């Protein structure tokens, strides 16, 4: 079943979406300026669209996503000060 929820950190609100797929869930955490996506989603498309986006892999829950190191970033995310290897929970203010 599709799960839609909110997550708050430091007074900022993020939208969280979890979609069960066949082998692993599709996860998305969206702030006002940018978002965190799981490996199901296409970082190259986010790059073409000029989004502030980061990708993580190997996540099944919101808690997994928050604790994970970033595997990929778009150019706009890098310009916002987000880098591969950063932990998601440490960069959320840049997506808010």
PDB file of N, CA and C in Angstrom:
ATOM      1  N   UNK A   1       0.833  -1.175   0.000  1.00  0.00           N
ATOM      2  CA  UNK A   1       0.000   0.000   0.000  1.00  0.00           C
ATOM      3  C   UNK A   1       0.886   1.249   0.000  1.00  0.00           C
ATOM      4  N   UNK A   2       0.491   2.226  -0.743  1.00  0.00           N
ATOM      5  CA  UNK A   2       1.188   3.498  -0.845  1.00  0.00           C
ATOM      6  C   UNK A   2       1.176   4.204   0.508  1.00  0.00           C
ATOM      7  N   UNK A   3       2.340   4.714   0.917  1.00  0.00           N
ATOM      8  CA  UNK A   3       2.452   5.443   2.181  1.00  0.00           C
ATOM      9  C   UNK A   3       2.873   6.882   1.888  1.00  0.00           C
ATOM     10  N   UNK A   4       2.096   7.829   2.382  1.00  0.00           N
ATOM     11  CA  UNK A   4       2.427   9.248   2.258  1.00  0.00           C
ATOM     12  C   UNK A   4       2.413   9.823   3.665  1.00  0.00           C
ATOM     13  N   UNK A   5       3.493  10.519   4.015  1.00  0.00           N
ATOM     14  CA  UNK A   5       3.629  11.034   5.377  1.00  0.00           C
ATOM     15  C   UNK A   5       4.461  12.310   5.334  1.00  0.00           C
ATOM     16  N   UNK A   6       4.623  12.935   6.469  1.00  0.00           N
ATOM     17  CA  UNK A   6       5.517  14.082   6.574  1.00  0.00           C
ATOM     18  C   UNK A   6       6.615  13.754   7.573  1.00  0.00           C
ATOM     19  N   UNK A   7       7.733  14.425   7.402  1.00  0.00           N
ATOM     20  CA  UNK A   7       8.861  14.305   8.313  1.00  0.00           C
ATOM     21  C   UNK A   7       9.296  15.719   8.645  1.00  0.00           C
ATOM     22  N   UNK A   8       9.554  15.991   9.927  1.00  0.00           N
ATOM     23  CA  UNK A   8       9.989  17.325  10.344  1.00  0.00           C
ATOM     24  C   UNK A   8      11.375  17.252  10.950  1.00  0.00           C
ATOM     25  N   UNK A   9      12.201  18.225  10.588  1.00  0.00           N
ATOM     26  CA  UNK A   9      13.535  18.361  11.166  1.00  0.00           C
ATOM     27  C   UNK A   9      13.850  19.844  11.259  1.00  0.00           C
ATOM     28  N   UNK A  10      14.221  20.288  12.430  1.00  0.00           N
ATOM     29  CA  UNK A  10      14.589  21.694  12.666  1.00  0.00           C
ATOM     30  C   UNK A  10      13.509  22.654  12.181  1.00  0.00           C
ATOM     31  N   UNK A  11      12.255  22.299  12.405  1.00  0.00           N
ATOM     32  CA  UNK A  11      11.148  23.163  12.031  1.00  0.00           C
ATOM     33  C   UNK A  11      10.786  23.139  10.563  1.00  0.00           C
ATOM     34  N   UNK A  12      11.475  22.350   9.771  1.00  0.00           N
ATOM     35  CA  UNK A  12      11.187  22.229   8.334  1.00  0.00           C
ATOM     36  C   UNK A  12      10.385  20.958   8.100  1.00  0.00           C
ATOM     37  N   UNK A  13       9.434  21.031   7.187  1.00  0.00           N
ATOM     38  CA  UNK A  13       8.566  19.898   6.898  1.00  0.00           C
ATOM     39  C   UNK A  13       8.903  19.343   5.514  1.00  0.00           C
ATOM     40  N   UNK A  14       9.026  18.023   5.457  1.00  0.00           N
ATOM     41  CA  UNK A  14       9.321  17.306   4.216  1.00  0.00           C
ATOM     42  C   UNK A  14       8.205  16.311   3.945  1.00  0.00           C
ATOM     43  N   UNK A  15       7.906  16.087   2.680  1.00  0.00           N
ATOM     44  CA  UNK A  15       6.924  15.077   2.289  1.00  0.00           C
ATOM     45  C   UNK A  15       7.664  13.768   2.021  1.00  0.00           C
ATOM     46  N   UNK A  16       7.143  12.678   2.565  1.00  0.00           N
ATOM     47  CA  UNK A  16       7.744  11.362   2.372  1.00  0.00           C
ATOM     48  C   UNK A  16       6.751  10.462   1.658  1.00  0.00           C
ATOM     49  N   UNK A  17       7.237   9.770   0.626  1.00  0.00           N
ATOM     50  CA  UNK A  17       6.411   8.837  -0.129  1.00  0.00           C
ATOM     51  C   UNK A  17       7.146   7.501  -0.207  1.00  0.00           C
ATOM     52  N   UNK A  18       6.403   6.440   0.067  1.00  0.00           N
ATOM     53  CA  UNK A  18       6.933   5.076  -0.041  1.00  0.00           C
ATOM     54  C   UNK A  18       5.962   4.256  -0.868  1.00  0.00           C
ATOM     55  N   UNK A  19       6.476   3.671  -1.947  1.00  0.00           N
ATOM     56  CA  UNK A  19       5.652   2.863  -2.837  1.00  0.00           C
ATOM     57  C   UNK A  19       6.220   1.447  -2.854  1.00  0.00           C
ATOM     58  N   UNK A  20       5.471   0.466  -2.373  1.00  0.00           N
ATOM     59  CA  UNK A  20       5.958  -0.911  -2.449  1.00  0.00           C
ATOM     60  C   UNK A  20       6.077  -1.344  -3.915  1.00  0.00           C
ATOM     61  N   UNK A  21       7.215  -1.909  -4.254  1.00  0.00           N
ATOM     62  CA  UNK A  21       7.422  -2.452  -5.597  1.00  0.00           C
ATOM     63  C   UNK A  21       7.608  -3.961  -5.438  1.00  0.00           C
ATOM     64  N   UNK A  22       8.043  -4.642  -6.470  1.00  0.00           N
ATOM     65  CA  UNK A  22       8.167  -6.090  -6.399  1.00  0.00           C
ATOM     66  C   UNK A  22       9.316  -6.537  -5.478  1.00  0.00           C
ATOM     67  N   UNK A  23      10.478  -5.910  -5.567  1.00  0.00           N
ATOM     68  CA  UNK A  23      11.651  -6.367  -4.821  1.00  0.00           C
ATOM     69  C   UNK A  23      12.040  -5.451  -3.668  1.00  0.00           C
ATOM     70  N   UNK A  24      11.822  -4.172  -3.812  1.00  0.00           N
ATOM     71  CA  UNK A  24      12.192  -3.181  -2.794  1.00  0.00           C
ATOM     72  C   UNK A  24      11.281  -1.977  -2.966  1.00  0.00           C
ATOM     73  N   UNK A  25      11.120  -1.157  -1.931  1.00  0.00           N
ATOM     74  CA  UNK A  25      10.233   0.004  -2.064  1.00  0.00           C
ATOM     75  C   UNK A  25      10.896   1.166  -2.801  1.00  0.00           C
ATOM     76  N   UNK A  26      10.074   1.978  -3.425  1.00  0.00           N
ATOM     77  CA  UNK A  26      10.500   3.238  -4.010  1.00  0.00           C
ATOM     78  C   UNK A  26      10.288   4.307  -2.944  1.00  0.00           C
ATOM     79  N   UNK A  27      11.340   5.067  -2.621  1.00  0.00           N
ATOM     80  CA  UNK A  27      11.259   6.096  -1.574  1.00  0.00           C
ATOM     81  C   UNK A  27      11.589   7.465  -2.145  1.00  0.00           C
ATOM     82  N   UNK A  28      10.897   8.491  -1.635  1.00  0.00           N
ATOM     83  CA  UNK A  28      11.148   9.877  -2.010  1.00  0.00           C
ATOM     84  C   UNK A  28      10.897  10.759  -0.794  1.00  0.00           C
ATOM     85  N   UNK A  29      11.839  11.639  -0.499  1.00  0.00           N
ATOM     86  CA  UNK A  29      11.688  12.623   0.571  1.00  0.00           C
ATOM     87  C   UNK A  29      11.880  13.989  -0.069  1.00  0.00           C
ATOM     88  N   UNK A  30      10.813  14.815  -0.073  1.00  0.00           N
ATOM     89  CA  UNK A  30      10.824  16.079  -0.808  1.00  0.00           C
ATOM     90  C   UNK A  30      10.730  17.275   0.123  1.00  0.00           C
ATOM     91  N   UNK A  31      11.661  18.209  -0.083  1.00  0.00           N
ATOM     92  CA  UNK A  31      11.600  19.508   0.575  1.00  0.00           C
ATOM     93  C   UNK A  31      11.141  20.554  -0.420  1.00  0.00           C
ATOM     94  N   UNK A  32      11.071  21.813   0.000  1.00  0.00           N
ATOM     95  CA  UNK A  32      10.643  22.884  -0.902  1.00  0.00           C
ATOM     96  C   UNK A  32      11.633  23.144  -2.028  1.00  0.00           C
ATOM     97  N   UNK A  33      12.933  22.957  -1.756  1.00  0.00           N
ATOM     98  CA  UNK A  33      13.968  23.271  -2.753  1.00  0.00           C
ATOM     99  C   UNK A  33      14.496  22.058  -3.508  1.00  0.00           C
ATOM    100  N   UNK A  34      14.430  20.877  -2.896  1.00  0.00           N
ATOM    101  CA  UNK A  34      15.000  19.695  -3.533  1.00  0.00           C
ATOM    102  C   UNK A  34      14.520  18.422  -2.868  1.00  0.00           C
ATOM    103  N   UNK A  35      15.096  17.293  -3.292  1.00  0.00           N
ATOM    104  CA  UNK A  35      14.606  16.017  -2.805  1.00  0.00           C
ATOM    105  C   UNK A  35      15.688  14.947  -2.771  1.00  0.00           C
ATOM    106  N   UNK A  36      15.368  13.910  -1.986  1.00  0.00           N
ATOM    107  CA  UNK A  36      16.193  12.709  -1.886  1.00  0.00           C
ATOM    108  C   UNK A  36      15.398  11.587  -2.527  1.00  0.00           C
ATOM    109  N   UNK A  37      16.031  10.844  -3.428  1.00  0.00           N
ATOM    110  CA  UNK A  37      15.352   9.741  -4.095  1.00  0.00           C
ATOM    111  C   UNK A  37      16.141   8.456  -3.925  1.00  0.00           C
ATOM    112  N   UNK A  38      15.446   7.347  -4.036  1.00  0.00           N
ATOM    113  CA  UNK A  38      16.113   6.054  -3.971  1.00  0.00           C
ATOM    114  C   UNK A  38      16.625   5.683  -5.363  1.00  0.00           C
ATOM    115  N   UNK A  39      17.268   4.552  -5.438  1.00  0.00           N
ATOM    116  CA  UNK A  39      17.871   4.099  -6.682  1.00  0.00           C
ATOM    117  C   UNK A  39      16.891   3.796  -7.800  1.00  0.00           C
ATOM    118  N   UNK A  40      15.599   3.652  -7.500  1.00  0.00           N
ATOM    119  CA  UNK A  40      14.603   3.433  -8.545  1.00  0.00           C
ATOM    120  C   UNK A  40      14.478   4.646  -9.469  1.00  0.00           C
ATOM    121  N   UNK A  41      14.753   5.824  -8.929  1.00  0.00           N
ATOM    122  CA  UNK A  41      14.525   7.043  -9.697  1.00  0.00           C
ATOM    123  C   UNK A  41      15.799   7.486 -10.402  1.00  0.00           C
ATOM    124  N   UNK A  42      15.657   8.267 -11.437  1.00  0.00           N
ATOM    125  CA  UNK A  42      16.725   8.555 -12.373  1.00  0.00           C
ATOM    126  C   UNK A  42      17.404   9.890 -12.076  1.00  0.00           C
ATOM    127  N   UNK A  43      18.631   9.829 -11.594  1.00  0.00           N
ATOM    128  CA  UNK A  43      19.397  11.032 -11.290  1.00  0.00           C
ATOM    129  C   UNK A  43      19.700  11.834 -12.558  1.00  0.00           C
ATOM    130  N   UNK A  44      19.888  11.153 -13.664  1.00  0.00           N
ATOM    131  CA  UNK A  44      20.180  11.835 -14.927  1.00  0.00           C
ATOM    132  C   UNK A  44      18.995  12.686 -15.385  1.00  0.00           C
ATOM    133  N   UNK A  45      17.784  12.201 -15.178  1.00  0.00           N
ATOM    134  CA  UNK A  45      16.595  12.994 -15.515  1.00  0.00           C
ATOM    135  C   UNK A  45      16.512  14.222 -14.615  1.00  0.00           C
ATOM    136  N   UNK A  46      16.791  14.049 -13.321  1.00  0.00           N
ATOM    137  CA  UNK A  46      16.793  15.185 -12.391  1.00  0.00           C
ATOM    138  C   UNK A  46      17.834  16.217 -12.816  1.00  0.00           C
ATOM    139  N   UNK A  47      18.971  15.748 -13.293  1.00  0.00           N
ATOM    140  CA  UNK A  47      20.026  16.644 -13.785  1.00  0.00           C
ATOM    141  C   UNK A  47      19.529  17.442 -14.981  1.00  0.00           C
ATOM    142  N   UNK A  48      18.913  16.769 -15.945  1.00  0.00           N
ATOM    143  CA  UNK A  48      18.399  17.451 -17.144  1.00  0.00           C
ATOM    144  C   UNK A  48      17.362  18.510 -16.789  1.00  0.00           C
ATOM    145  N   UNK A  49      16.571  18.240 -15.750  1.00  0.00           N
ATOM    146  CA  UNK A  49      15.526  19.174 -15.341  1.00  0.00           C
ATOM    147  C   UNK A  49      16.052  20.309 -14.467  1.00  0.00           C
ATOM    148  N   UNK A  50      17.319  20.207 -14.042  1.00  0.00           N
ATOM    149  CA  UNK A  50      17.910  21.253 -13.218  1.00  0.00           C
ATOM    150  C   UNK A  50      17.488  21.191 -11.759  1.00  0.00           C
ATOM    151  N   UNK A  51      17.097  20.010 -11.294  1.00  0.00           N
ATOM    152  CA  UNK A  51      16.649  19.853  -9.913  1.00  0.00           C
ATOM    153  C   UNK A  51      17.809  19.778  -8.928  1.00  0.00           C
ATOM    154  N   UNK A  52      17.542  20.183  -7.698  1.00  0.00           N
ATOM    155  CA  UNK A  52      18.443  19.904  -6.581  1.00  0.00           C
ATOM    156  C   UNK A  52      18.007  18.542  -6.068  1.00  0.00           C
ATOM    157  N   UNK A  53      18.763  17.505  -6.427  1.00  0.00           N
ATOM    158  CA  UNK A  53      18.370  16.144  -6.104  1.00  0.00           C
ATOM    159  C   UNK A  53      19.580  15.319  -5.700  1.00  0.00           C
ATOM    160  N   UNK A  54      19.339  14.386  -4.785  1.00  0.00           N
ATOM    161  CA  UNK A  54      20.370  13.443  -4.378  1.00  0.00           C
ATOM    162  C   UNK A  54      19.780  12.041  -4.411  1.00  0.00           C
ATOM    163  N   UNK A  55      20.662  11.051  -4.629  1.00  0.00           N
ATOM    164  CA  UNK A  55      20.220   9.660  -4.685  1.00  0.00           C
ATOM    165  C   UNK A  55      20.931   8.851  -3.618  1.00  0.00           C
ATOM    166  N   UNK A  56      20.167   7.974  -2.988  1.00  0.00           N
ATOM    167  CA  UNK A  56      20.712   6.991  -2.056  1.00  0.00           C
ATOM    168  C   UNK A  56      20.274   5.614  -2.536  1.00  0.00           C
ATOM    169  N   UNK A  57      21.009   4.598  -2.139  1.00  0.00           N
ATOM    170  CA  UNK A  57      20.659   3.241  -2.540  1.00  0.00           C
ATOM    171  C   UNK A  57      20.621   2.343  -1.306  1.00  0.00           C
ATOM    172  N   UNK A  58      19.940   1.215  -1.447  1.00  0.00           N
ATOM    173  CA  UNK A  58      19.883   0.246  -0.363  1.00  0.00           C
ATOM    174  C   UNK A  58      19.044   0.680   0.816  1.00  0.00           C
ATOM    175  N   UNK A  59      17.934   1.369   0.545  1.00  0.00           N
ATOM    176  CA  UNK A  59      17.070   1.856   1.622  1.00  0.00           C
ATOM    177  C   UNK A  59      15.692   1.223   1.510  1.00  0.00           C
ATOM    178  N   UNK A  60      15.099   0.946   2.669  1.00  0.00           N
ATOM    179  CA  UNK A  60      13.760   0.356   2.707  1.00  0.00           C
ATOM    180  C   UNK A  60      12.782   1.163   3.544  1.00  0.00           C
ATOM    181  N   UNK A  61      13.293   2.064   4.385  1.00  0.00           N
ATOM    182  CA  UNK A  61      12.452   2.848   5.287  1.00  0.00           C
ATOM    183  C   UNK A  61      12.936   4.290   5.312  1.00  0.00           C
ATOM    184  N   UNK A  62      12.113   5.161   5.895  1.00  0.00           N
ATOM    185  CA  UNK A  62      12.519   6.554   6.082  1.00  0.00           C
ATOM    186  C   UNK A  62      13.769   6.627   6.957  1.00  0.00           C
ATOM    187  N   UNK A  63      13.825   5.811   8.003  1.00  0.00           N
ATOM    188  CA  UNK A  63      14.985   5.813   8.894  1.00  0.00           C
ATOM    189  C   UNK A  63      16.248   5.399   8.151  1.00  0.00           C
ATOM    190  N   UNK A  64      16.140   4.391   7.272  1.00  0.00           N
ATOM    191  CA  UNK A  64      17.279   3.995   6.431  1.00  0.00           C
ATOM    192  C   UNK A  64      17.750   5.171   5.594  1.00  0.00           C
ATOM    193  N   UNK A  65      16.790   5.843   4.952  1.00  0.00           N
ATOM    194  CA  UNK A  65      17.099   6.956   4.066  1.00  0.00           C
ATOM    195  C   UNK A  65      17.814   8.078   4.817  1.00  0.00           C
ATOM    196  N   UNK A  66      17.330   8.434   5.993  1.00  0.00           N
ATOM    197  CA  UNK A  66      17.913   9.536   6.762  1.00  0.00           C
ATOM    198  C   UNK A  66      19.342   9.245   7.196  1.00  0.00           C
ATOM    199  N   UNK A  67      19.644   7.994   7.483  1.00  0.00           N
ATOM    200  CA  UNK A  67      20.969   7.631   7.957  1.00  0.00           C
ATOM    201  C   UNK A  67      21.958   7.281   6.869  1.00  0.00           C
ATOM    202  N   UNK A  68      21.506   7.228   5.639  1.00  0.00           N
ATOM    203  CA  UNK A  68      22.332   6.773   4.526  1.00  0.00           C
ATOM    204  C   UNK A  68      23.252   7.870   4.003  1.00  0.00           C
ATOM    205  N   UNK A  69      24.410   7.447   3.493  1.00  0.00           N
ATOM    206  CA  UNK A  69      25.302   8.371   2.795  1.00  0.00           C
ATOM    207  C   UNK A  69      24.816   8.531   1.359  1.00  0.00           C
ATOM    208  N   UNK A  70      24.970   9.719   0.833  1.00  0.00           N
ATOM    209  CA  UNK A  70      24.513  10.043  -0.509  1.00  0.00           C
ATOM    210  C   UNK A  70      25.436   9.399  -1.538  1.00  0.00           C
ATOM    211  N   UNK A  71      24.824   8.728  -2.523  1.00  0.00           N
ATOM    212  CA  UNK A  71      25.574   8.028  -3.558  1.00  0.00           C
ATOM    213  C   UNK A  71      25.747   8.866  -4.821  1.00  0.00           C
ATOM    214  N   UNK A  72      24.846   9.833  -5.045  1.00  0.00           N
ATOM    215  CA  UNK A  72      24.928  10.657  -6.245  1.00  0.00           C
ATOM    216  C   UNK A  72      24.207  11.972  -6.048  1.00  0.00           C
ATOM    217  N   UNK A  73      24.671  13.011  -6.739  1.00  0.00           N
ATOM    218  CA  UNK A  73      24.071  14.344  -6.634  1.00  0.00           C
ATOM    219  C   UNK A  73      23.993  14.988  -8.008  1.00  0.00           C
ATOM    220  N   UNK A  74      23.045  15.877  -8.168  1.00  0.00           N
ATOM    221  CA  UNK A  74      22.988  16.678  -9.386  1.00  0.00           C
ATOM    222  C   UNK A  74      23.936  17.877  -9.241  1.00  0.00           C
ATOM    223  N   UNK A  75      24.193  18.538 -10.340  1.00  0.00           N
ATOM    224  CA  UNK A  75      25.038  19.724 -10.329  1.00  0.00           C
ATOM    225  C   UNK A  75      24.472  20.791  -9.402  1.00  0.00           C
ATOM    226  N   UNK A  76      23.164  21.001  -9.457  1.00  0.00           N
ATOM    227  CA  UNK A  76      22.545  22.010  -8.582  1.00  0.00           C
ATOM    228  C   UNK A  76      22.664  21.632  -7.121  1.00  0.00           C
ATOM    229  N   UNK A  77      22.604  20.345  -6.791  1.00  0.00           N
ATOM    230  CA  UNK A  77      22.792  19.903  -5.409  1.00  0.00           C
ATOM    231  C   UNK A  77      24.225  20.194  -4.967  1.00  0.00           C
ATOM    232  N   UNK A  78      25.184  19.907  -5.831  1.00  0.00           N
ATOM    233  CA  UNK A  78      26.595  20.189  -5.516  1.00  0.00           C
ATOM    234  C   UNK A  78      26.788  21.687  -5.296  1.00  0.00           C
ATOM    235  N   UNK A  79      26.156  22.505  -6.117  1.00  0.00           N
ATOM    236  CA  UNK A  79      26.248  23.964  -5.964  1.00  0.00           C
ATOM    237  C   UNK A  79      25.623  24.427  -4.648  1.00  0.00           C
ATOM    238  N   UNK A  80      24.664  23.671  -4.130  1.00  0.00           N
ATOM    239  CA  UNK A  80      24.025  23.988  -2.847  1.00  0.00           C
ATOM    240  C   UNK A  80      24.859  23.495  -1.662  1.00  0.00           C
ATOM    241  N   UNK A  81      25.988  22.844  -1.963  1.00  0.00           N
ATOM    242  CA  UNK A  81      26.875  22.385  -0.901  1.00  0.00           C
ATOM    243  C   UNK A  81      26.673  20.946  -0.475  1.00  0.00           C
ATOM    244  N   UNK A  82      26.013  20.158  -1.308  1.00  0.00           N
ATOM    245  CA  UNK A  82      25.769  18.750  -1.008  1.00  0.00           C
ATOM    246  C   UNK A  82      26.724  17.903  -1.838  1.00  0.00           C
ATOM    247  N   UNK A  83      27.343  16.911  -1.202  1.00  0.00           N
ATOM    248  CA  UNK A  83      28.323  16.068  -1.884  1.00  0.00           C
ATOM    249  C   UNK A  83      28.044  14.593  -1.648  1.00  0.00           C
ATOM    250  N   UNK A  84      28.527  13.748  -2.550  1.00  0.00           N
ATOM    251  CA  UNK A  84      28.450  12.319  -2.306  1.00  0.00           C
ATOM    252  C   UNK A  84      29.206  12.033  -1.014  1.00  0.00           C
ATOM    253  N   UNK A  85      28.693  11.085  -0.264  1.00  0.00           N
ATOM    254  CA  UNK A  85      29.290  10.746   1.019  1.00  0.00           C
ATOM    255  C   UNK A  85      28.674  11.487   2.194  1.00  0.00           C
ATOM    256  N   UNK A  86      28.002  12.620   1.936  1.00  0.00           N
ATOM    257  CA  UNK A  86      27.289  13.317   3.021  1.00  0.00           C
ATOM    258  C   UNK A  86      26.139  12.429   3.499  1.00  0.00           C
ATOM    259  N   UNK A  87      25.806  12.521   4.769  1.00  0.00           N
ATOM    260  CA  UNK A  87      24.675  11.773   5.317  1.00  0.00           C
ATOM    261  C   UNK A  87      23.408  12.606   5.093  1.00  0.00           C
ATOM    262  N   UNK A  88      22.342  11.951   4.664  1.00  0.00           N
ATOM    263  CA  UNK A  88      21.093  12.642   4.311  1.00  0.00           C
ATOM    264  C   UNK A  88      20.616  13.539   5.440  1.00  0.00           C
ATOM    265  N   UNK A  89      20.557  13.040   6.667  1.00  0.00           N
ATOM    266  CA  UNK A  89      20.006  13.851   7.762  1.00  0.00           C
ATOM    267  C   UNK A  89      20.823  15.131   8.000  1.00  0.00           C
ATOM    268  N   UNK A  90      22.083  15.157   7.534  1.00  0.00           N
ATOM    269  CA  UNK A  90      22.929  16.326   7.715  1.00  0.00           C
ATOM    270  C   UNK A  90      22.767  17.384   6.637  1.00  0.00           C
ATOM    271  N   UNK A  91      22.073  17.068   5.551  1.00  0.00           N
ATOM    272  CA  UNK A  91      21.952  18.034   4.436  1.00  0.00           C
ATOM    273  C   UNK A  91      20.509  18.479   4.188  1.00  0.00           C
ATOM    274  N   UNK A  92      19.577  18.017   5.014  1.00  0.00           N
ATOM    275  CA  UNK A  92      18.171  18.316   4.749  1.00  0.00           C
ATOM    276  C   UNK A  92      17.865  19.806   4.726  1.00  0.00           C
ATOM    277  N   UNK A  93      18.564  20.611   5.542  1.00  0.00           N
ATOM    278  CA  UNK A  93      18.285  22.047   5.552  1.00  0.00           C
ATOM    279  C   UNK A  93      18.548  22.657   4.165  1.00  0.00           C
ATOM    280  N   UNK A  94      19.400  22.029   3.370  1.00  0.00           N
ATOM    281  CA  UNK A  94      19.702  22.542   2.018  1.00  0.00           C
ATOM    282  C   UNK A  94      18.610  22.180   1.015  1.00  0.00           C
ATOM    283  N   UNK A  95      17.725  21.270   1.411  1.00  0.00           N
ATOM    284  CA  UNK A  95      16.611  20.883   0.548  1.00  0.00           C
ATOM    285  C   UNK A  95      15.300  21.525   0.983  1.00  0.00           C
ATOM    286  N   UNK A  96      15.299  22.129   2.173  1.00  0.00           N
ATOM    287  CA  UNK A  96      14.068  22.687   2.754  1.00  0.00           C
ATOM    288  C   UNK A  96      13.639  23.964   2.059  1.00  0.00           C
TER     289      UNK A  96
END
